[in-house]
Amino acid sequence: MRILDLREPYLKEVLFNPKYGYGKNFNPCIDCHGFMFRFTGDLLKEYNADFMISGEVLGQRPMSQRKDAMGSVQKLSNHEELIVRPLSAKLMPPSKPELEGWIDREKLLNINGRSRHIQLELAKEIGLKDFDTPGGGCLLTEIQFSEKLRDFIKYDRLDVEDIDTLKAGRHLRLPKGAKLIVGRDKDDNEKLKNTNSSKYYSAKILDATGPICLFQKNASQEDIDLATSIIITYGRTNLEQEYKVSFIDEEDEKNNFFTVGKKFETKNIIKEYLI
């Protein structure tokens, strides 16, 4: 298996200017599929391969797997005659590999619709046991993730290093524009701890148990003070007691600092900043 890192060209070519638009949220599904086939098709010569295979099923996805949408995907791919969709092939015009007799069209299937019953039976029949739960979707189809993305691009340019910062934590936009990301649980904290972005400080409470956080650099003092109180509020802290919060710059130790603050009486004060 070869994994291609296509994040950079995807951000430049697809995400913000899709020819066929978006689905319900920030998902440019048709352009995304065409983009992936285009890059895969360019590898055919390298591997001395004749065609591409996709596991798409006609009618399974409302935006990208309608018959007309699949045709649009093929046009975007620049290799439209060389895409084979074995699970629904009998419901679509024959591809070049079928017409040329490279593969037997009679052995291909005619699955249609959102049910995955036939696929699961087929997996059982061939002894395939270790696979992800069907039905999972791209993050760009999720409302909450899309809102985080819309908020981000309102204030900053989205780079590859920003992708992981959008995937974890509770996101807040503070009054002067700074971004604060607060870990919600152990898994979130671990993800934020391992996130590598030059745009953020790593922040945490020094004298109490609390979340791992990311806080945008070059923030105003007002946003720094507010972020400090928010971080303390989400920790195991007491009212009226002061706590230290450290802000660590992984790239420049001279830029490290800490502030002192207190817990808010209620988390309702924080709600207006949540994305």
C-alpha atoms as a PDB file:
ATOM      1  CA  MET A   1       0.000   0.000   0.000  1.00  0.00           C
ATOM      2  CA  ARG A   2       1.182   3.508  -0.815  1.00  0.00           C
ATOM      3  CA  ILE A   3      -0.243   6.520   1.022  1.00  0.00           C
ATOM      4  CA  LEU A   4      -0.124   9.836  -0.802  1.00  0.00           C
ATOM      5  CA  ASP A   5       0.053  13.080   1.187  1.00  0.00           C
ATOM      6  CA  LEU A   6      -2.114  15.333  -0.955  1.00  0.00           C
ATOM      7  CA  ARG A   7      -3.071  17.863   1.721  1.00  0.00           C
ATOM      8  CA  GLU A   8      -1.174  20.786   0.206  1.00  0.00           C
ATOM      9  CA  PRO A   9      -2.583  20.491  -3.344  1.00  0.00           C
ATOM     10  CA  TYR A  10      -6.030  19.689  -1.910  1.00  0.00           C
ATOM     11  CA  LEU A  11      -6.101  22.959   0.038  1.00  0.00           C
ATOM     12  CA  LYS A  12      -4.868  24.915  -2.984  1.00  0.00           C
ATOM     13  CA  GLU A  13      -6.973  23.312  -5.702  1.00  0.00           C
ATOM     14  CA  VAL A  14     -10.165  21.906  -4.202  1.00  0.00           C
ATOM     15  CA  LEU A  15     -11.341  22.972  -0.758  1.00  0.00           C
ATOM     16  CA  PHE A  16     -12.008  26.663  -1.356  1.00  0.00           C
ATOM     17  CA  ASN A  17     -12.947  26.709  -5.029  1.00  0.00           C
ATOM     18  CA  PRO A  18     -14.825  23.529  -6.005  1.00  0.00           C
ATOM     19  CA  LYS A  19     -16.263  23.511  -9.525  1.00  0.00           C
ATOM     20  CA  TYR A  20     -19.310  21.534  -8.390  1.00  0.00           C
ATOM     21  CA  GLY A  21     -19.823  23.324  -5.077  1.00  0.00           C
ATOM     22  CA  TYR A  22     -20.370  21.967  -1.574  1.00  0.00           C
ATOM     23  CA  GLY A  23     -22.788  19.565   0.068  1.00  0.00           C
ATOM     24  CA  LYS A  24     -24.728  20.547   3.196  1.00  0.00           C
ATOM     25  CA  ASN A  25     -21.553  21.674   4.952  1.00  0.00           C
ATOM     26  CA  PHE A  26     -17.957  22.276   3.784  1.00  0.00           C
ATOM     27  CA  ASN A  27     -17.742  19.111   1.701  1.00  0.00           C
ATOM     28  CA  PRO A  28     -16.769  19.491  -1.996  1.00  0.00           C
ATOM     29  CA  CYS A  29     -17.361  15.771  -2.588  1.00  0.00           C
ATOM     30  CA  ILE A  30     -17.517  15.662  -6.388  1.00  0.00           C
ATOM     31  CA  ASP A  31     -14.371  17.744  -6.829  1.00  0.00           C
ATOM     32  CA  CYS A  32     -12.651  15.740  -4.077  1.00  0.00           C
ATOM     33  CA  HIS A  33     -13.318  12.412  -5.791  1.00  0.00           C
ATOM     34  CA  GLY A  34     -12.188  13.758  -9.144  1.00  0.00           C
ATOM     35  CA  PHE A  35      -9.038  15.148  -7.523  1.00  0.00           C
ATOM     36  CA  MET A  36      -8.153  11.748  -5.995  1.00  0.00           C
ATOM     37  CA  PHE A  37      -8.726   9.899  -9.267  1.00  0.00           C
ATOM     38  CA  ARG A  38      -6.561  12.437 -11.094  1.00  0.00           C
ATOM     39  CA  PHE A  39      -3.610  11.805  -8.795  1.00  0.00           C
ATOM     40  CA  THR A  40      -4.187   8.051  -8.830  1.00  0.00           C
ATOM     41  CA  GLY A  41      -4.425   8.021 -12.615  1.00  0.00           C
ATOM     42  CA  ASP A  42      -1.075   9.763 -12.871  1.00  0.00           C
ATOM     43  CA  LEU A  43       0.463   6.732 -11.099  1.00  0.00           C
ATOM     44  CA  LEU A  44      -0.733   4.211 -13.694  1.00  0.00           C
ATOM     45  CA  LYS A  45       2.434   4.410 -15.812  1.00  0.00           C
ATOM     46  CA  GLU A  46       4.680   4.276 -12.752  1.00  0.00           C
ATOM     47  CA  TYR A  47       3.142   0.957 -11.691  1.00  0.00           C
ATOM     48  CA  ASN A  48       2.569  -0.356 -15.214  1.00  0.00           C
ATOM     49  CA  ALA A  49      -1.138  -0.521 -14.337  1.00  0.00           C
ATOM     50  CA  ASP A  50      -4.035  -0.411 -16.801  1.00  0.00           C
ATOM     51  CA  PHE A  51      -6.938   1.034 -14.808  1.00  0.00           C
ATOM     52  CA  MET A  52      -8.236   2.198 -11.411  1.00  0.00           C
ATOM     53  CA  ILE A  53     -10.759   0.532  -9.102  1.00  0.00           C
ATOM     54  CA  SER A  54     -13.141   2.344  -6.768  1.00  0.00           C
ATOM     55  CA  GLY A  55     -15.442   0.961  -4.068  1.00  0.00           C
ATOM     56  CA  GLU A  56     -18.144   3.533  -4.776  1.00  0.00           C
ATOM     57  CA  VAL A  57     -21.775   2.387  -4.804  1.00  0.00           C
ATOM     58  CA  LEU A  58     -24.410   4.073  -6.942  1.00  0.00           C
ATOM     59  CA  GLY A  59     -26.889   6.004  -4.773  1.00  0.00           C
ATOM     60  CA  GLN A  60     -25.032   5.468  -1.501  1.00  0.00           C
ATOM     61  CA  ARG A  61     -23.930   9.085  -1.024  1.00  0.00           C
ATOM     62  CA  PRO A  62     -26.402  11.886  -1.869  1.00  0.00           C
ATOM     63  CA  MET A  63     -23.885  14.253  -3.442  1.00  0.00           C
ATOM     64  CA  SER A  64     -21.052  12.317  -5.036  1.00  0.00           C
ATOM     65  CA  GLN A  65     -22.577   8.935  -5.886  1.00  0.00           C
ATOM     66  CA  ARG A  66     -25.527   9.866  -8.036  1.00  0.00           C
ATOM     67  CA  LYS A  67     -25.116   8.659 -11.610  1.00  0.00           C
ATOM     68  CA  ASP A  68     -24.627  12.195 -12.977  1.00  0.00           C
ATOM     69  CA  ALA A  69     -22.187  13.052 -10.160  1.00  0.00           C
ATOM     70  CA  MET A  70     -20.116   9.971 -10.934  1.00  0.00           C
ATOM     71  CA  GLY A  71     -19.942  11.152 -14.528  1.00  0.00           C
ATOM     72  CA  SER A  72     -18.693  14.540 -13.338  1.00  0.00           C
ATOM     73  CA  VAL A  73     -16.056  12.821 -11.213  1.00  0.00           C
ATOM     74  CA  GLN A  74     -14.834  10.924 -14.263  1.00  0.00           C
ATOM     75  CA  LYS A  75     -14.463  14.150 -16.284  1.00  0.00           C
ATOM     76  CA  LEU A  76     -12.475  15.802 -13.483  1.00  0.00           C
ATOM     77  CA  SER A  77     -10.179  12.783 -13.257  1.00  0.00           C
ATOM     78  CA  ASN A  78      -8.651  13.230 -16.743  1.00  0.00           C
ATOM     79  CA  HIS A  79      -8.766   9.407 -16.949  1.00  0.00           C
ATOM     80  CA  GLU A  80     -12.509   8.894 -17.339  1.00  0.00           C
ATOM     81  CA  GLU A  81     -12.333   5.701 -19.402  1.00  0.00           C
ATOM     82  CA  LEU A  82     -10.095   3.955 -16.861  1.00  0.00           C
ATOM     83  CA  ILE A  83     -12.247   4.040 -13.698  1.00  0.00           C
ATOM     84  CA  VAL A  84     -13.910   0.751 -12.779  1.00  0.00           C
ATOM     85  CA  ARG A  85     -16.567   0.619 -10.045  1.00  0.00           C
ATOM     86  CA  PRO A  86     -17.065  -3.144  -9.557  1.00  0.00           C
ATOM     87  CA  LEU A  87     -19.849  -2.908  -6.963  1.00  0.00           C
ATOM     88  CA  SER A  88     -22.238  -1.025  -9.261  1.00  0.00           C
ATOM     89  CA  ALA A  89     -20.711  -1.613 -12.704  1.00  0.00           C
ATOM     90  CA  LYS A  90     -23.787  -3.304 -14.218  1.00  0.00           C
ATOM     91  CA  LEU A  91     -25.864  -0.188 -13.504  1.00  0.00           C
ATOM     92  CA  MET A  92     -23.505   2.077 -15.443  1.00  0.00           C
ATOM     93  CA  PRO A  93     -22.079   2.227 -18.973  1.00  0.00           C
ATOM     94  CA  PRO A  94     -19.186  -0.209 -19.501  1.00  0.00           C
ATOM     95  CA  SER A  95     -15.721   1.165 -18.846  1.00  0.00           C
ATOM     96  CA  LYS A  96     -12.844   0.685 -21.284  1.00  0.00           C
ATOM     97  CA  PRO A  97     -11.405  -2.277 -19.279  1.00  0.00           C
ATOM     98  CA  GLU A  98     -14.810  -4.017 -19.620  1.00  0.00           C
ATOM     99  CA  LEU A  99     -15.233  -3.180 -23.313  1.00  0.00           C
ATOM    100  CA  GLU A 100     -11.699  -4.342 -24.111  1.00  0.00           C
ATOM    101  CA  GLY A 101     -12.223  -7.608 -22.237  1.00  0.00           C
ATOM    102  CA  TRP A 102      -9.478  -6.921 -19.676  1.00  0.00           C
ATOM    103  CA  ILE A 103     -12.038  -7.842 -17.011  1.00  0.00           C
ATOM    104  CA  ASP A 104     -15.265  -9.846 -17.183  1.00  0.00           C
ATOM    105  CA  ARG A 105     -18.263  -7.527 -16.784  1.00  0.00           C
ATOM    106  CA  GLU A 106     -20.465 -10.503 -15.897  1.00  0.00           C
ATOM    107  CA  LYS A 107     -18.528 -10.957 -12.658  1.00  0.00           C
ATOM    108  CA  LEU A 108     -19.188  -7.380 -11.565  1.00  0.00           C
ATOM    109  CA  LEU A 109     -22.146  -6.359  -9.394  1.00  0.00           C
ATOM    110  CA  ASN A 110     -25.240  -4.128  -9.506  1.00  0.00           C
ATOM    111  CA  ILE A 111     -25.482  -2.783  -5.936  1.00  0.00           C
ATOM    112  CA  ASN A 112     -27.596   0.347  -5.547  1.00  0.00           C
ATOM    113  CA  GLY A 113     -28.670   2.520  -2.604  1.00  0.00           C
ATOM    114  CA  ARG A 114     -27.658   3.284   0.965  1.00  0.00           C
ATOM    115  CA  SER A 115     -27.992  -0.206   2.464  1.00  0.00           C
ATOM    116  CA  ARG A 116     -24.716  -2.047   3.001  1.00  0.00           C
ATOM    117  CA  HIS A 117     -26.271  -5.473   3.489  1.00  0.00           C
ATOM    118  CA  ILE A 118     -24.875  -6.954   0.268  1.00  0.00           C
ATOM    119  CA  GLN A 119     -21.368  -5.600   0.940  1.00  0.00           C
ATOM    120  CA  LEU A 120     -21.363  -7.021   4.477  1.00  0.00           C
ATOM    121  CA  GLU A 121     -22.523 -10.409   3.202  1.00  0.00           C
ATOM    122  CA  LEU A 122     -19.800 -10.315   0.561  1.00  0.00           C
ATOM    123  CA  ALA A 123     -17.186  -9.494   3.214  1.00  0.00           C
ATOM    124  CA  LYS A 124     -18.403 -12.444   5.283  1.00  0.00           C
ATOM    125  CA  GLU A 125     -18.317 -14.739   2.261  1.00  0.00           C
ATOM    126  CA  ILE A 126     -14.675 -13.949   1.436  1.00  0.00           C
ATOM    127  CA  GLY A 127     -13.580 -14.030   5.091  1.00  0.00           C
ATOM    128  CA  LEU A 128     -12.910 -10.301   5.546  1.00  0.00           C
ATOM    129  CA  LYS A 129     -13.253  -9.465   9.254  1.00  0.00           C
ATOM    130  CA  ASP A 130     -11.037  -6.501  10.097  1.00  0.00           C
ATOM    131  CA  PHE A 131     -12.631  -3.381   8.601  1.00  0.00           C
ATOM    132  CA  ASP A 132     -14.045  -0.076   9.815  1.00  0.00           C
ATOM    133  CA  THR A 133     -17.721   0.355  10.624  1.00  0.00           C
ATOM    134  CA  PRO A 134     -19.560   1.327   7.420  1.00  0.00           C
ATOM    135  CA  GLY A 135     -21.212   4.721   7.217  1.00  0.00           C
ATOM    136  CA  GLY A 136     -18.444   6.901   8.609  1.00  0.00           C
ATOM    137  CA  GLY A 137     -18.080  10.161   6.757  1.00  0.00           C
ATOM    138  CA  CYS A 138     -15.514  12.832   6.028  1.00  0.00           C
ATOM    139  CA  LEU A 139     -15.065  15.516   8.707  1.00  0.00           C
ATOM    140  CA  LEU A 140     -16.031  18.126   6.132  1.00  0.00           C
ATOM    141  CA  THR A 141     -19.574  16.717   6.158  1.00  0.00           C
ATOM    142  CA  GLU A 142     -19.932  17.381   9.908  1.00  0.00           C
ATOM    143  CA  ILE A 143     -21.594  20.602  11.053  1.00  0.00           C
ATOM    144  CA  GLN A 144     -19.304  21.268  14.025  1.00  0.00           C
ATOM    145  CA  PHE A 145     -16.088  20.724  12.087  1.00  0.00           C
ATOM    146  CA  SER A 146     -17.355  22.894   9.231  1.00  0.00           C
ATOM    147  CA  GLU A 147     -18.135  25.710  11.668  1.00  0.00           C
ATOM    148  CA  LYS A 148     -14.618  25.501  13.094  1.00  0.00           C
ATOM    149  CA  LEU A 149     -13.208  25.670   9.578  1.00  0.00           C
ATOM    150  CA  ARG A 150     -15.377  28.658   8.582  1.00  0.00           C
ATOM    151  CA  ASP A 151     -14.347  30.496  11.731  1.00  0.00           C
ATOM    152  CA  PHE A 152     -10.665  29.733  11.122  1.00  0.00           C
ATOM    153  CA  ILE A 153     -10.527  31.048   7.551  1.00  0.00           C
ATOM    154  CA  LYS A 154     -12.330  34.208   8.660  1.00  0.00           C
ATOM    155  CA  TYR A 155      -9.239  35.125  10.712  1.00  0.00           C
ATOM    156  CA  ASP A 156      -6.343  33.276   9.120  1.00  0.00           C
ATOM    157  CA  ARG A 157      -5.093  31.387   6.075  1.00  0.00           C
ATOM    158  CA  LEU A 158      -5.517  27.638   6.368  1.00  0.00           C
ATOM    159  CA  ASP A 159      -2.210  25.783   6.035  1.00  0.00           C
ATOM    160  CA  VAL A 160      -1.478  22.059   6.271  1.00  0.00           C
ATOM    161  CA  GLU A 161      -0.208  22.488   9.834  1.00  0.00           C
ATOM    162  CA  ASP A 162      -3.625  23.833  10.858  1.00  0.00           C
ATOM    163  CA  ILE A 163      -5.570  20.714   9.897  1.00  0.00           C
ATOM    164  CA  ASP A 164      -4.770  18.731  13.053  1.00  0.00           C
ATOM    165  CA  THR A 165      -5.570  21.699  15.311  1.00  0.00           C
ATOM    166  CA  LEU A 166      -9.137  21.670  13.965  1.00  0.00           C
ATOM    167  CA  LYS A 167      -9.702  17.996  14.752  1.00  0.00           C
ATOM    168  CA  ALA A 168      -9.546  18.059  18.545  1.00  0.00           C
ATOM    169  CA  GLY A 169     -10.621  20.136  21.506  1.00  0.00           C
ATOM    170  CA  ARG A 170     -13.190  22.746  22.421  1.00  0.00           C
ATOM    171  CA  HIS A 171     -12.628  25.806  20.186  1.00  0.00           C
ATOM    172  CA  LEU A 172     -13.124  29.382  21.352  1.00  0.00           C
ATOM    173  CA  ARG A 173     -12.702  32.706  19.553  1.00  0.00           C
ATOM    174  CA  LEU A 174     -11.868  35.475  22.030  1.00  0.00           C
ATOM    175  CA  PRO A 175     -12.998  39.154  21.730  1.00  0.00           C
ATOM    176  CA  LYS A 176      -9.794  40.505  20.177  1.00  0.00           C
ATOM    177  CA  GLY A 177      -9.559  37.628  17.716  1.00  0.00           C
ATOM    178  CA  ALA A 178      -7.220  35.130  19.412  1.00  0.00           C
ATOM    179  CA  LYS A 179      -7.993  31.422  19.157  1.00  0.00           C
ATOM    180  CA  LEU A 180      -8.049  29.120  22.192  1.00  0.00           C
ATOM    181  CA  ILE A 181      -8.397  25.322  21.968  1.00  0.00           C
ATOM    182  CA  VAL A 182      -9.137  23.441  25.201  1.00  0.00           C
ATOM    183  CA  GLY A 183      -8.812  19.668  25.580  1.00  0.00           C
ATOM    184  CA  ARG A 184     -12.094  18.039  26.607  1.00  0.00           C
ATOM    185  CA  ASP A 185     -10.824  14.690  27.841  1.00  0.00           C
ATOM    186  CA  LYS A 186      -7.748  12.465  28.033  1.00  0.00           C
ATOM    187  CA  ASP A 187      -7.872  11.582  24.332  1.00  0.00           C
ATOM    188  CA  ASP A 188      -8.238  15.236  23.350  1.00  0.00           C
ATOM    189  CA  ASN A 189      -5.364  16.243  25.621  1.00  0.00           C
ATOM    190  CA  GLU A 190      -3.108  13.664  24.011  1.00  0.00           C
ATOM    191  CA  LYS A 191      -3.974  14.861  20.511  1.00  0.00           C
ATOM    192  CA  LEU A 192      -3.348  18.501  21.407  1.00  0.00           C
ATOM    193  CA  LYS A 193      -0.108  17.597  23.163  1.00  0.00           C
ATOM    194  CA  ASN A 194       1.160  15.946  19.979  1.00  0.00           C
ATOM    195  CA  THR A 195      -0.053  18.688  17.650  1.00  0.00           C
ATOM    196  CA  ASN A 196       2.778  20.503  15.923  1.00  0.00           C
ATOM    197  CA  SER A 197       1.834  24.033  14.886  1.00  0.00           C
ATOM    198  CA  SER A 198       4.009  27.138  14.862  1.00  0.00           C
ATOM    199  CA  LYS A 199       0.946  29.344  15.365  1.00  0.00           C
ATOM    200  CA  TYR A 200       0.158  28.326  18.952  1.00  0.00           C
ATOM    201  CA  TYR A 201       1.517  28.228  22.455  1.00  0.00           C
ATOM    202  CA  SER A 202       0.985  25.026  24.432  1.00  0.00           C
ATOM    203  CA  ALA A 203      -0.816  26.126  27.617  1.00  0.00           C
ATOM    204  CA  LYS A 204      -1.665  24.407  30.916  1.00  0.00           C
ATOM    205  CA  ILE A 205      -2.240  25.121  34.602  1.00  0.00           C
ATOM    206  CA  LEU A 206       0.989  24.783  36.599  1.00  0.00           C
ATOM    207  CA  ASP A 207      -0.417  24.251  40.111  1.00  0.00           C
ATOM    208  CA  ALA A 208      -3.558  22.192  39.458  1.00  0.00           C
ATOM    209  CA  THR A 209      -4.825  19.411  37.212  1.00  0.00           C
ATOM    210  CA  GLY A 210      -6.295  20.798  34.031  1.00  0.00           C
ATOM    211  CA  PRO A 211      -6.623  20.479  30.269  1.00  0.00           C
ATOM    212  CA  ILE A 212      -3.922  20.718  27.628  1.00  0.00           C
ATOM    213  CA  CYS A 213      -4.631  23.811  25.528  1.00  0.00           C
ATOM    214  CA  LEU A 214      -3.399  25.601  22.430  1.00  0.00           C
ATOM    215  CA  PHE A 215      -3.430  29.397  22.419  1.00  0.00           C
ATOM    216  CA  GLN A 216      -2.707  31.608  19.439  1.00  0.00           C
ATOM    217  CA  LYS A 217       0.543  33.591  19.514  1.00  0.00           C
ATOM    218  CA  ASN A 218       0.696  37.385  19.279  1.00  0.00           C
ATOM    219  CA  ALA A 219      -2.585  37.765  21.161  1.00  0.00           C
ATOM    220  CA  SER A 220      -3.635  40.951  22.953  1.00  0.00           C
ATOM    221  CA  GLN A 221      -3.220  41.180  26.720  1.00  0.00           C
ATOM    222  CA  GLU A 222      -7.008  41.197  27.045  1.00  0.00           C
ATOM    223  CA  ASP A 223      -7.282  37.852  25.248  1.00  0.00           C
ATOM    224  CA  ILE A 224      -4.342  36.423  27.241  1.00  0.00           C
ATOM    225  CA  ASP A 225      -6.052  37.315  30.530  1.00  0.00           C
ATOM    226  CA  LEU A 226      -9.370  35.868  29.348  1.00  0.00           C
ATOM    227  CA  ALA A 227      -7.714  32.672  28.059  1.00  0.00           C
ATOM    228  CA  THR A 228      -5.986  32.234  31.429  1.00  0.00           C
ATOM    229  CA  SER A 229      -9.310  32.375  33.320  1.00  0.00           C
ATOM    230  CA  ILE A 230     -10.989  30.020  30.836  1.00  0.00           C
ATOM    231  CA  ILE A 231      -8.192  27.453  31.158  1.00  0.00           C
ATOM    232  CA  ILE A 232      -8.378  27.665  34.967  1.00  0.00           C
ATOM    233  CA  THR A 233     -12.177  27.300  34.866  1.00  0.00           C
ATOM    234  CA  TYR A 234     -11.902  24.023  32.939  1.00  0.00           C
ATOM    235  CA  GLY A 235      -9.361  22.662  35.441  1.00  0.00           C
ATOM    236  CA  ARG A 236      -9.845  21.077  38.854  1.00  0.00           C
ATOM    237  CA  THR A 237      -9.665  24.406  40.597  1.00  0.00           C
ATOM    238  CA  ASN A 238     -11.339  26.386  43.389  1.00  0.00           C
ATOM    239  CA  LEU A 239     -13.035  29.773  43.345  1.00  0.00           C
ATOM    240  CA  GLU A 240     -11.092  32.728  44.795  1.00  0.00           C
ATOM    241  CA  GLN A 241      -7.787  30.865  44.554  1.00  0.00           C
ATOM    242  CA  GLU A 242      -5.176  32.131  42.111  1.00  0.00           C
ATOM    243  CA  TYR A 243      -3.428  29.739  39.703  1.00  0.00           C
ATOM    244  CA  LYS A 244      -0.501  30.010  37.315  1.00  0.00           C
ATOM    245  CA  VAL A 245      -0.953  29.129  33.648  1.00  0.00           C
ATOM    246  CA  SER A 246       2.122  28.587  31.491  1.00  0.00           C
ATOM    247  CA  PHE A 247       2.334  29.436  27.794  1.00  0.00           C
ATOM    248  CA  ILE A 248       5.128  27.473  26.116  1.00  0.00           C
ATOM    249  CA  ASP A 249       6.491  28.288  22.677  1.00  0.00           C
ATOM    250  CA  GLU A 250       7.965  25.026  21.381  1.00  0.00           C
ATOM    251  CA  GLU A 251      10.023  26.889  18.769  1.00  0.00           C
ATOM    252  CA  ASP A 252      11.371  29.744  20.915  1.00  0.00           C
ATOM    253  CA  GLU A 253      12.014  29.300  24.637  1.00  0.00           C
ATOM    254  CA  LYS A 254      12.577  33.053  25.038  1.00  0.00           C
ATOM    255  CA  ASN A 255       8.936  33.551  24.098  1.00  0.00           C
ATOM    256  CA  ASN A 256       7.628  31.442  27.021  1.00  0.00           C
ATOM    257  CA  PHE A 257       5.683  33.118  29.826  1.00  0.00           C
ATOM    258  CA  PHE A 258       3.091  32.461  32.520  1.00  0.00           C
ATOM    259  CA  THR A 259       0.147  34.431  33.876  1.00  0.00           C
ATOM    260  CA  VAL A 260      -1.909  34.338  37.062  1.00  0.00           C
ATOM    261  CA  GLY A 261      -5.691  34.199  37.134  1.00  0.00           C
ATOM    262  CA  LYS A 262      -8.830  32.968  38.838  1.00  0.00           C
ATOM    263  CA  LYS A 263     -11.658  30.635  37.995  1.00  0.00           C
ATOM    264  CA  PHE A 264     -14.963  32.012  36.679  1.00  0.00           C
ATOM    265  CA  GLU A 265     -17.966  31.423  38.940  1.00  0.00           C
ATOM    266  CA  THR A 266     -19.798  29.651  36.119  1.00  0.00           C
ATOM    267  CA  LYS A 267     -18.907  28.219  32.714  1.00  0.00           C
ATOM    268  CA  ASN A 268     -21.883  30.114  31.253  1.00  0.00           C
ATOM    269  CA  ILE A 269     -19.557  33.117  30.990  1.00  0.00           C
ATOM    270  CA  ILE A 270     -17.512  31.118  28.459  1.00  0.00           C
ATOM    271  CA  LYS A 271     -20.400  30.101  26.181  1.00  0.00           C
ATOM    272  CA  GLU A 272     -20.370  33.266  24.072  1.00  0.00           C
ATOM    273  CA  TYR A 273     -16.816  32.471  22.892  1.00  0.00           C
ATOM    274  CA  LEU A 274     -17.473  28.863  21.858  1.00  0.00           C
ATOM    275  CA  ILE A 275     -17.405  28.091  18.150  1.00  0.00           C
END
